[in-house]
């Protein structure tokens, strides 16, 4: 059975690489460039992360991922 989970993609102004949120318990958030190491979370948690890191220099996006339950 496939479930839909979410990953937060972060585009920062001035950087060419795309980063994904890896950990949310540390301040500042830990990010990674490897999608396989990114934190897979539910929609409400991902939306909270987006609200907390959204700034004019940091553009977070929500990306859906299919995972096997």
C-alpha atoms as a PDB file:
ATOM      1  CA  UNK A   1       0.000   0.000   0.000  1.00  0.00           C
ATOM      2  CA  UNK A   2       1.370   3.414  -0.980  1.00  0.00           C
ATOM      3  CA  UNK A   3       1.011   6.472   1.255  1.00  0.00           C
ATOM      4  CA  UNK A   4       1.662  10.087   0.339  1.00  0.00           C
ATOM      5  CA  UNK A   5       4.151  11.874   2.568  1.00  0.00           C
ATOM      6  CA  UNK A   6       5.909  15.195   2.122  1.00  0.00           C
ATOM      7  CA  UNK A   7       9.438  16.576   1.926  1.00  0.00           C
ATOM      8  CA  UNK A   8      10.321  20.258   2.334  1.00  0.00           C
ATOM      9  CA  UNK A   9      12.536  21.575  -0.478  1.00  0.00           C
ATOM     10  CA  UNK A  10      14.489  24.740   0.339  1.00  0.00           C
ATOM     11  CA  UNK A  11      15.730  27.217  -2.285  1.00  0.00           C
ATOM     12  CA  UNK A  12      18.014  29.848  -0.815  1.00  0.00           C
ATOM     13  CA  UNK A  13      18.834  33.067  -2.629  1.00  0.00           C
ATOM     14  CA  UNK A  14      22.410  33.059  -3.874  1.00  0.00           C
ATOM     15  CA  UNK A  15      22.837  29.272  -3.891  1.00  0.00           C
ATOM     16  CA  UNK A  16      22.517  27.067  -6.936  1.00  0.00           C
ATOM     17  CA  UNK A  17      21.976  23.785  -5.106  1.00  0.00           C
ATOM     18  CA  UNK A  18      18.617  22.621  -3.868  1.00  0.00           C
ATOM     19  CA  UNK A  19      18.438  21.471  -0.262  1.00  0.00           C
ATOM     20  CA  UNK A  20      15.932  19.348   1.615  1.00  0.00           C
ATOM     21  CA  UNK A  21      15.123  19.445   5.330  1.00  0.00           C
ATOM     22  CA  UNK A  22      16.899  16.592   7.103  1.00  0.00           C
ATOM     23  CA  UNK A  23      16.197  17.352  10.790  1.00  0.00           C
ATOM     24  CA  UNK A  24      13.750  19.725  12.458  1.00  0.00           C
ATOM     25  CA  UNK A  25      14.686  19.282  16.119  1.00  0.00           C
ATOM     26  CA  UNK A  26      17.870  21.318  15.841  1.00  0.00           C
ATOM     27  CA  UNK A  27      18.069  25.094  15.539  1.00  0.00           C
ATOM     28  CA  UNK A  28      18.826  26.021  12.797  1.00  0.00           C
ATOM     29  CA  UNK A  29      17.292  23.254  10.709  1.00  0.00           C
ATOM     30  CA  UNK A  30      19.713  20.742   9.256  1.00  0.00           C
ATOM     31  CA  UNK A  31      19.451  20.390   5.473  1.00  0.00           C
ATOM     32  CA  UNK A  32      20.874  17.977   2.920  1.00  0.00           C
ATOM     33  CA  UNK A  33      21.264  17.953  -0.844  1.00  0.00           C
ATOM     34  CA  UNK A  34      20.430  14.231  -1.044  1.00  0.00           C
ATOM     35  CA  UNK A  35      16.693  13.588  -1.413  1.00  0.00           C
ATOM     36  CA  UNK A  36      17.061  10.062   0.019  1.00  0.00           C
ATOM     37  CA  UNK A  37      18.330  11.513   3.323  1.00  0.00           C
ATOM     38  CA  UNK A  38      15.519  14.070   3.584  1.00  0.00           C
ATOM     39  CA  UNK A  39      12.983  13.902   6.387  1.00  0.00           C
ATOM     40  CA  UNK A  40       9.671  12.452   5.202  1.00  0.00           C
ATOM     41  CA  UNK A  41       6.781  13.871   7.212  1.00  0.00           C
ATOM     42  CA  UNK A  42       3.039  14.354   7.281  1.00  0.00           C
ATOM     43  CA  UNK A  43       1.334  17.312   5.637  1.00  0.00           C
ATOM     44  CA  UNK A  44       0.647  19.302   8.814  1.00  0.00           C
ATOM     45  CA  UNK A  45       4.203  18.946  10.109  1.00  0.00           C
ATOM     46  CA  UNK A  46       5.626  19.917   6.709  1.00  0.00           C
ATOM     47  CA  UNK A  47       3.383  22.995   6.552  1.00  0.00           C
ATOM     48  CA  UNK A  48       4.556  24.039  10.033  1.00  0.00           C
ATOM     49  CA  UNK A  49       8.185  23.729   8.923  1.00  0.00           C
ATOM     50  CA  UNK A  50       7.478  25.847   5.843  1.00  0.00           C
ATOM     51  CA  UNK A  51       5.870  28.571   7.952  1.00  0.00           C
ATOM     52  CA  UNK A  52       8.775  28.599  10.386  1.00  0.00           C
ATOM     53  CA  UNK A  53      11.576  28.907   7.803  1.00  0.00           C
ATOM     54  CA  UNK A  54       9.909  31.104   5.168  1.00  0.00           C
ATOM     55  CA  UNK A  55      11.855  34.341   4.696  1.00  0.00           C
ATOM     56  CA  UNK A  56      12.530  36.562   1.677  1.00  0.00           C
ATOM     57  CA  UNK A  57      15.924  34.824   1.274  1.00  0.00           C
ATOM     58  CA  UNK A  58      14.634  31.266   1.807  1.00  0.00           C
ATOM     59  CA  UNK A  59      11.834  29.868  -0.377  1.00  0.00           C
ATOM     60  CA  UNK A  60      10.557  26.511   0.956  1.00  0.00           C
ATOM     61  CA  UNK A  61       8.317  24.248  -1.160  1.00  0.00           C
ATOM     62  CA  UNK A  62       6.230  21.189  -0.353  1.00  0.00           C
ATOM     63  CA  UNK A  63       7.048  18.084  -2.417  1.00  0.00           C
ATOM     64  CA  UNK A  64       4.902  14.960  -2.280  1.00  0.00           C
ATOM     65  CA  UNK A  65       6.594  11.544  -2.143  1.00  0.00           C
ATOM     66  CA  UNK A  66       5.048   8.089  -2.417  1.00  0.00           C
ATOM     67  CA  UNK A  67       6.213   5.711   0.338  1.00  0.00           C
ATOM     68  CA  UNK A  68       5.427   2.072   0.979  1.00  0.00           C
ATOM     69  CA  UNK A  69       3.502   1.535   4.223  1.00  0.00           C
END
